[in-house]
Amino acid sequence: MSLTLRPARPEDAALIYSLIRELAEYEQLLHEVEASEADIAAALFGEHPRAFCDIADWNGKPAGLALWFYNFSSFAGRHGIYLEDLFVRPAFRGRGVAKGLMRRLARRCVEEGLGRFEWSVLDWNEPAIRVYRALGARPKSEWTLQSLSGPALRELAGVAKHSEP
């Protein structure tokens, strides 16, 4: 049995979109998915991509993905990587797929001289939390994630509520 990790390619857009929907369903957040396959393709493979994706294949079958982007720490004065989505299909869990994807990103951080590797996890996702603790990750409990979207985002931007951004 073998694990292969590779950068996503434009022809992977449908697969990536499918994996994102599978992740959302697992997290009970499918109702929040607004993106289309075309949105994902444009974001990852457009002229100036700002997000990136690695694909994990197990014996040639798509097993999971890591969708990530660069962030920046003003305190460290260096970029880092933020892992937006990590997903391994249930049939491939327990085989080191998630660890392989995370190791690939950690290696990128070290090779590029980046200052940190961060992500969020739902507080009820104990299996993922156990994996992260086993890798040496520790929670940053002094911080709380804040988010602004939809009408609140448009209101702060000063954009009329009836118009789209």
C-alpha atoms as a PDB file:
ATOM      1  CA  MET A   1       0.000   0.000   0.000  1.00  0.00           C
ATOM      2  CA  SER A   2       1.377   3.384  -0.907  1.00  0.00           C
ATOM      3  CA  LEU A   3       0.657   7.029  -0.274  1.00  0.00           C
ATOM      4  CA  THR A   4       1.445   9.612  -2.949  1.00  0.00           C
ATOM      5  CA  LEU A   5       1.310  13.339  -2.221  1.00  0.00           C
ATOM      6  CA  ARG A   6       1.279  15.874  -5.026  1.00  0.00           C
ATOM      7  CA  PRO A   7       0.316  19.452  -5.804  1.00  0.00           C
ATOM      8  CA  ALA A   8      -3.201  19.752  -7.193  1.00  0.00           C
ATOM      9  CA  ARG A   9      -3.535  20.347 -10.918  1.00  0.00           C
ATOM     10  CA  PRO A  10      -6.280  22.191 -12.830  1.00  0.00           C
ATOM     11  CA  GLU A  11      -7.860  18.897 -13.853  1.00  0.00           C
ATOM     12  CA  ASP A  12      -8.357  18.173 -10.111  1.00  0.00           C
ATOM     13  CA  ALA A  13     -10.904  20.977  -9.653  1.00  0.00           C
ATOM     14  CA  ALA A  14     -13.921  18.622  -9.645  1.00  0.00           C
ATOM     15  CA  LEU A  15     -12.182  16.270  -7.192  1.00  0.00           C
ATOM     16  CA  ILE A  16     -11.229  19.147  -4.883  1.00  0.00           C
ATOM     17  CA  TYR A  17     -14.767  20.482  -4.955  1.00  0.00           C
ATOM     18  CA  SER A  18     -16.119  17.021  -4.156  1.00  0.00           C
ATOM     19  CA  LEU A  19     -13.701  16.617  -1.235  1.00  0.00           C
ATOM     20  CA  ILE A  20     -14.648  20.052   0.115  1.00  0.00           C
ATOM     21  CA  ARG A  21     -18.314  19.031   0.049  1.00  0.00           C
ATOM     22  CA  GLU A  22     -17.476  15.726   1.770  1.00  0.00           C
ATOM     23  CA  LEU A  23     -15.608  17.658   4.475  1.00  0.00           C
ATOM     24  CA  ALA A  24     -18.525  20.052   4.921  1.00  0.00           C
ATOM     25  CA  GLU A  25     -20.921  17.130   5.228  1.00  0.00           C
ATOM     26  CA  TYR A  26     -18.680  15.480   7.867  1.00  0.00           C
ATOM     27  CA  GLU A  27     -18.547  18.771   9.792  1.00  0.00           C
ATOM     28  CA  GLN A  28     -22.327  19.153   9.476  1.00  0.00           C
ATOM     29  CA  LEU A  29     -21.769  22.399   7.556  1.00  0.00           C
ATOM     30  CA  LEU A  30     -22.838  21.435   4.035  1.00  0.00           C
ATOM     31  CA  HIS A  31     -25.490  24.176   4.172  1.00  0.00           C
ATOM     32  CA  GLU A  32     -22.659  26.733   4.400  1.00  0.00           C
ATOM     33  CA  VAL A  33     -20.935  25.737   1.151  1.00  0.00           C
ATOM     34  CA  GLU A  34     -21.446  28.599  -1.288  1.00  0.00           C
ATOM     35  CA  ALA A  35     -18.502  27.858  -3.565  1.00  0.00           C
ATOM     36  CA  SER A  36     -18.938  26.218  -6.937  1.00  0.00           C
ATOM     37  CA  GLU A  37     -16.465  24.017  -8.759  1.00  0.00           C
ATOM     38  CA  ALA A  38     -15.693  27.017 -10.982  1.00  0.00           C
ATOM     39  CA  ASP A  39     -14.953  29.161  -7.903  1.00  0.00           C
ATOM     40  CA  ILE A  40     -12.501  26.568  -6.614  1.00  0.00           C
ATOM     41  CA  ALA A  41     -10.842  26.233 -10.026  1.00  0.00           C
ATOM     42  CA  ALA A  42     -10.445  30.001 -10.330  1.00  0.00           C
ATOM     43  CA  ALA A  43      -9.079  30.402  -6.791  1.00  0.00           C
ATOM     44  CA  LEU A  44      -6.528  27.602  -7.067  1.00  0.00           C
ATOM     45  CA  PHE A  45      -5.570  27.700 -10.731  1.00  0.00           C
ATOM     46  CA  GLY A  46      -6.299  31.230 -11.911  1.00  0.00           C
ATOM     47  CA  GLU A  47      -3.702  33.735 -13.071  1.00  0.00           C
ATOM     48  CA  HIS A  48      -2.641  34.745  -9.542  1.00  0.00           C
ATOM     49  CA  PRO A  49      -3.677  31.987  -7.124  1.00  0.00           C
ATOM     50  CA  ARG A  50      -3.781  32.912  -3.449  1.00  0.00           C
ATOM     51  CA  ALA A  51      -4.721  29.446  -2.209  1.00  0.00           C
ATOM     52  CA  PHE A  52      -3.067  26.112  -2.874  1.00  0.00           C
ATOM     53  CA  CYS A  53      -3.929  22.452  -2.552  1.00  0.00           C
ATOM     54  CA  ASP A  54      -2.091  19.186  -2.114  1.00  0.00           C
ATOM     55  CA  ILE A  55      -3.762  15.909  -3.011  1.00  0.00           C
ATOM     56  CA  ALA A  56      -3.181  12.571  -1.304  1.00  0.00           C
ATOM     57  CA  ASP A  57      -3.629   9.427  -3.374  1.00  0.00           C
ATOM     58  CA  TRP A  58      -3.640   5.946  -1.870  1.00  0.00           C
ATOM     59  CA  ASN A  59      -2.737   3.329  -4.464  1.00  0.00           C
ATOM     60  CA  GLY A  60      -3.847   5.730  -7.177  1.00  0.00           C
ATOM     61  CA  LYS A  61      -7.202   6.530  -5.571  1.00  0.00           C
ATOM     62  CA  PRO A  62      -7.938  10.037  -4.232  1.00  0.00           C
ATOM     63  CA  ALA A  63      -7.771   9.805  -0.447  1.00  0.00           C
ATOM     64  CA  GLY A  64      -7.721  13.418   0.764  1.00  0.00           C
ATOM     65  CA  LEU A  65      -6.524  16.967   0.484  1.00  0.00           C
ATOM     66  CA  ALA A  66      -4.829  19.827   2.263  1.00  0.00           C
ATOM     67  CA  LEU A  67      -6.052  23.257   1.115  1.00  0.00           C
ATOM     68  CA  TRP A  68      -3.817  26.070   2.388  1.00  0.00           C
ATOM     69  CA  PHE A  69      -2.538  29.607   1.929  1.00  0.00           C
ATOM     70  CA  TYR A  70       0.267  31.822   3.168  1.00  0.00           C
ATOM     71  CA  ASN A  71      -0.382  34.078   6.145  1.00  0.00           C
ATOM     72  CA  PHE A  72       1.886  36.582   7.877  1.00  0.00           C
ATOM     73  CA  SER A  73       3.021  37.218  11.443  1.00  0.00           C
ATOM     74  CA  SER A  74       3.871  40.839  12.091  1.00  0.00           C
ATOM     75  CA  PHE A  75       5.486  39.813  15.401  1.00  0.00           C
ATOM     76  CA  ALA A  76       7.781  37.276  13.714  1.00  0.00           C
ATOM     77  CA  GLY A  77       8.163  39.380  10.573  1.00  0.00           C
ATOM     78  CA  ARG A  78       7.723  36.225   8.504  1.00  0.00           C
ATOM     79  CA  HIS A  79       5.093  34.398   6.528  1.00  0.00           C
ATOM     80  CA  GLY A  80       3.581  31.123   7.613  1.00  0.00           C
ATOM     81  CA  ILE A  81       1.094  28.608   6.300  1.00  0.00           C
ATOM     82  CA  TYR A  82      -2.539  28.450   7.309  1.00  0.00           C
ATOM     83  CA  LEU A  83      -4.186  25.102   6.660  1.00  0.00           C
ATOM     84  CA  GLU A  84      -7.767  25.929   5.711  1.00  0.00           C
ATOM     85  CA  ASP A  85      -8.975  22.383   5.086  1.00  0.00           C
ATOM     86  CA  LEU A  86      -7.546  18.972   5.832  1.00  0.00           C
ATOM     87  CA  PHE A  87      -9.753  16.074   4.822  1.00  0.00           C
ATOM     88  CA  VAL A  88      -9.191  12.360   4.480  1.00  0.00           C
ATOM     89  CA  ARG A  89     -11.981  10.193   3.140  1.00  0.00           C
ATOM     90  CA  PRO A  90     -13.216   7.746   5.801  1.00  0.00           C
ATOM     91  CA  ALA A  91     -12.056   4.656   3.867  1.00  0.00           C
ATOM     92  CA  PHE A  92      -8.450   5.943   4.016  1.00  0.00           C
ATOM     93  CA  ARG A  93      -8.279   7.105   7.639  1.00  0.00           C
ATOM     94  CA  GLY A  94      -5.814   5.485  10.004  1.00  0.00           C
ATOM     95  CA  ARG A  95      -3.220   4.981   7.253  1.00  0.00           C
ATOM     96  CA  GLY A  96      -1.112   8.100   7.838  1.00  0.00           C
ATOM     97  CA  VAL A  97      -2.693  10.159   5.061  1.00  0.00           C
ATOM     98  CA  ALA A  98      -3.394  13.203   7.258  1.00  0.00           C
ATOM     99  CA  LYS A  99       0.041  12.976   8.831  1.00  0.00           C
ATOM    100  CA  GLY A 100       1.614  12.791   5.375  1.00  0.00           C
ATOM    101  CA  LEU A 101      -0.227  15.886   4.183  1.00  0.00           C
ATOM    102  CA  MET A 102       0.696  17.792   7.335  1.00  0.00           C
ATOM    103  CA  ARG A 103       4.326  16.659   7.147  1.00  0.00           C
ATOM    104  CA  ARG A 104       4.458  17.934   3.554  1.00  0.00           C
ATOM    105  CA  LEU A 105       3.276  21.387   4.678  1.00  0.00           C
ATOM    106  CA  ALA A 106       5.598  21.404   7.695  1.00  0.00           C
ATOM    107  CA  ARG A 107       8.495  20.588   5.370  1.00  0.00           C
ATOM    108  CA  ARG A 108       7.451  23.482   3.106  1.00  0.00           C
ATOM    109  CA  CYS A 109       7.497  25.808   6.129  1.00  0.00           C
ATOM    110  CA  VAL A 110      11.005  24.720   7.083  1.00  0.00           C
ATOM    111  CA  GLU A 111      12.370  24.810   3.521  1.00  0.00           C
ATOM    112  CA  GLU A 112      10.924  28.280   2.861  1.00  0.00           C
ATOM    113  CA  GLY A 113      11.984  29.713   6.238  1.00  0.00           C
ATOM    114  CA  LEU A 114       8.382  30.304   7.297  1.00  0.00           C
ATOM    115  CA  GLY A 115       7.643  31.102  10.919  1.00  0.00           C
ATOM    116  CA  ARG A 116       4.629  28.937  11.693  1.00  0.00           C
ATOM    117  CA  PHE A 117       2.041  26.415  10.574  1.00  0.00           C
ATOM    118  CA  GLU A 118      -1.481  26.995  11.875  1.00  0.00           C
ATOM    119  CA  TRP A 119      -5.023  25.691  11.489  1.00  0.00           C
ATOM    120  CA  SER A 120      -8.332  25.509  13.304  1.00  0.00           C
ATOM    121  CA  VAL A 121     -10.282  22.452  14.369  1.00  0.00           C
ATOM    122  CA  LEU A 122     -13.870  22.120  15.531  1.00  0.00           C
ATOM    123  CA  ASP A 123     -13.919  21.565  19.291  1.00  0.00           C
ATOM    124  CA  TRP A 124     -16.038  18.415  18.956  1.00  0.00           C
ATOM    125  CA  ASN A 125     -13.727  16.728  16.427  1.00  0.00           C
ATOM    126  CA  GLU A 126     -11.869  14.530  18.917  1.00  0.00           C
ATOM    127  CA  PRO A 127     -10.344  12.192  16.307  1.00  0.00           C
ATOM    128  CA  ALA A 128      -8.673  15.139  14.538  1.00  0.00           C
ATOM    129  CA  ILE A 129      -7.600  16.713  17.826  1.00  0.00           C
ATOM    130  CA  ARG A 130      -5.917  13.433  18.839  1.00  0.00           C
ATOM    131  CA  VAL A 131      -4.015  13.364  15.545  1.00  0.00           C
ATOM    132  CA  TYR A 132      -2.887  16.968  15.995  1.00  0.00           C
ATOM    133  CA  ARG A 133      -1.741  16.384  19.599  1.00  0.00           C
ATOM    134  CA  ALA A 134       0.198  13.301  18.470  1.00  0.00           C
ATOM    135  CA  LEU A 135       1.985  15.512  15.925  1.00  0.00           C
ATOM    136  CA  GLY A 136       2.986  17.949  18.682  1.00  0.00           C
ATOM    137  CA  ALA A 137       0.420  20.688  18.016  1.00  0.00           C
ATOM    138  CA  ARG A 138      -0.945  22.625  20.972  1.00  0.00           C
ATOM    139  CA  PRO A 139      -4.064  24.778  21.163  1.00  0.00           C
ATOM    140  CA  LYS A 140      -3.847  28.543  21.385  1.00  0.00           C
ATOM    141  CA  SER A 141      -6.674  28.934  23.872  1.00  0.00           C
ATOM    142  CA  GLU A 142      -5.924  32.584  24.594  1.00  0.00           C
ATOM    143  CA  TRP A 143      -7.174  33.510  21.117  1.00  0.00           C
ATOM    144  CA  THR A 144     -10.708  33.286  19.763  1.00  0.00           C
ATOM    145  CA  LEU A 145     -11.446  33.175  16.071  1.00  0.00           C
ATOM    146  CA  GLN A 146     -13.507  36.089  14.806  1.00  0.00           C
ATOM    147  CA  SER A 147     -15.365  36.175  11.501  1.00  0.00           C
ATOM    148  CA  LEU A 148     -17.257  38.721   9.466  1.00  0.00           C
ATOM    149  CA  SER A 149     -19.288  37.719   6.395  1.00  0.00           C
ATOM    150  CA  GLY A 150     -22.552  38.241   4.567  1.00  0.00           C
ATOM    151  CA  PRO A 151     -24.631  41.287   5.541  1.00  0.00           C
ATOM    152  CA  ALA A 152     -22.308  42.252   8.410  1.00  0.00           C
ATOM    153  CA  LEU A 153     -19.319  42.306   6.054  1.00  0.00           C
ATOM    154  CA  ARG A 154     -21.203  44.407   3.491  1.00  0.00           C
ATOM    155  CA  GLU A 155     -22.380  46.782   6.211  1.00  0.00           C
ATOM    156  CA  LEU A 156     -18.856  47.336   7.540  1.00  0.00           C
ATOM    157  CA  ALA A 157     -17.637  47.834   3.962  1.00  0.00           C
ATOM    158  CA  GLY A 158     -20.299  50.470   3.450  1.00  0.00           C
ATOM    159  CA  VAL A 159     -21.884  48.529   0.594  1.00  0.00           C
ATOM    160  CA  ALA A 160     -25.660  48.625   0.227  1.00  0.00           C
ATOM    161  CA  LYS A 161     -27.317  45.482   1.587  1.00  0.00           C
ATOM    162  CA  HIS A 162     -29.068  44.714  -1.681  1.00  0.00           C
ATOM    163  CA  SER A 163     -25.886  44.739  -3.766  1.00  0.00           C
ATOM    164  CA  GLU A 164     -23.391  41.901  -3.926  1.00  0.00           C
ATOM    165  CA  PRO A 165     -19.689  42.423  -3.179  1.00  0.00           C
END
